[in-house]
Each structure stands twice: as C-alpha cells, then as structure tokens.
Amino acid sequence: MVLDNLERERNFAQRLEFTRFYARWVRAVPNEVWSKQQAMLIDSLIENAKNLMLSAEEYLKLKRR
C-alpha cells in the first residue's frame, strides 16, 4: 500500500504527538509506576516472540519484504 504525502505527514504527526505525550507521562509519574509498565510490555513482547513459529531466518526474510 502506497501512502500519499498527506497521509504520511498525518501519520508522522500522530506518532510525534504520542511520543511527546508519553515522554510527559514518564516525567510526571514515579519511576516505580512506569518501570513496572515497561517491564510488563517487554515481558509480553518476549513471550509473544517465543510463541512465534518462525525461525530467525524466516523472520528476517519477511522483514526484508
């Protein structure tokens, strides 16, 4: 799917706004709170990767497409 320039700019603006929002949140919340959430996210990503039925080579082939 080819995105036109307007759609790319809108996507970029949304990602940038989310990044700024999250950075403000991290600065405003105690380390214990956001670090626990980060740990849960990372743990879930690792668990999901374990369940992925692709070899490293197959994954890299898909990623290059």
Protein backbone atom coordinates (compact mmCIF):
# COMPACT_ATOMS: atom_id res chain seq x y z
CA MET A 1 0.00 0.00 0.00
CA VAL A 2 1.45 3.31 -1.05
CA LEU A 3 0.71 6.24 1.21
CA ASP A 4 0.37 9.68 -0.26
CA ASN A 5 2.35 12.56 1.24
CA LEU A 6 -0.61 13.94 3.20
CA GLU A 7 -1.26 10.58 4.84
CA ARG A 8 2.45 10.15 5.65
CA GLU A 9 2.57 13.60 7.23
CA ARG A 10 -0.55 12.84 9.28
CA ASN A 11 0.90 9.51 10.45
CA PHE A 12 4.17 11.21 11.37
CA ALA A 13 2.34 13.95 13.29
CA GLN A 14 0.33 11.35 15.23
CA ARG A 15 3.44 9.35 16.14
CA LEU A 16 5.27 12.50 17.20
CA GLU A 17 2.34 13.64 19.37
CA PHE A 18 2.14 10.22 21.03
CA THR A 19 5.89 10.28 21.71
CA ARG A 20 5.59 13.70 23.32
CA PHE A 21 2.54 12.60 25.33
CA TYR A 22 4.37 9.50 26.58
CA ALA A 23 7.52 11.48 27.44
CA ARG A 24 5.41 13.92 29.51
CA TRP A 25 3.73 10.99 31.24
CA VAL A 26 7.05 9.29 32.06
CA ARG A 27 8.40 12.52 33.55
CA ALA A 28 5.24 13.07 35.62
CA VAL A 29 4.80 9.54 37.02
CA PRO A 30 7.00 7.92 39.67
CA ASN A 31 9.70 5.59 38.31
CA GLU A 32 8.14 2.59 40.06
CA VAL A 33 4.89 3.02 38.10
CA TRP A 34 6.24 3.45 34.60
CA SER A 35 9.06 0.95 35.03
CA LYS A 36 6.54 -1.74 36.05
CA GLN A 37 4.51 -0.97 32.94
CA GLN A 38 7.62 -1.08 30.75
CA ALA A 39 8.55 -4.43 32.29
CA MET A 40 5.08 -5.83 31.54
CA LEU A 41 5.31 -4.63 27.94
CA ILE A 42 8.79 -6.08 27.42
CA ASP A 43 7.83 -9.37 29.07
CA SER A 44 4.76 -9.68 26.83
CA LEU A 45 6.87 -8.97 23.72
CA ILE A 46 9.36 -11.65 24.74
CA GLU A 47 6.56 -14.14 25.47
CA ASN A 48 4.97 -13.41 22.11
CA ALA A 49 8.30 -13.90 20.35
CA LYS A 50 8.65 -17.31 22.00
CA ASN A 51 5.28 -18.31 20.54
CA LEU A 52 6.16 -17.16 17.03
CA MET A 53 6.55 -20.22 14.86
CA LEU A 54 9.26 -18.76 12.62
CA SER A 55 12.96 -19.33 12.63
CA ALA A 56 15.22 -16.28 12.79
CA GLU A 57 15.98 -16.71 9.09
CA GLU A 58 12.28 -16.85 8.15
CA TYR A 59 11.55 -13.77 10.23
CA LEU A 60 14.36 -11.80 8.58
CA LYS A 61 13.09 -12.82 5.13
CA LEU A 62 9.63 -11.47 5.99
CA LYS A 63 11.08 -8.30 7.44
CA ARG A 64 13.01 -7.54 4.24
CA ARG A 65 9.84 -7.58 2.11
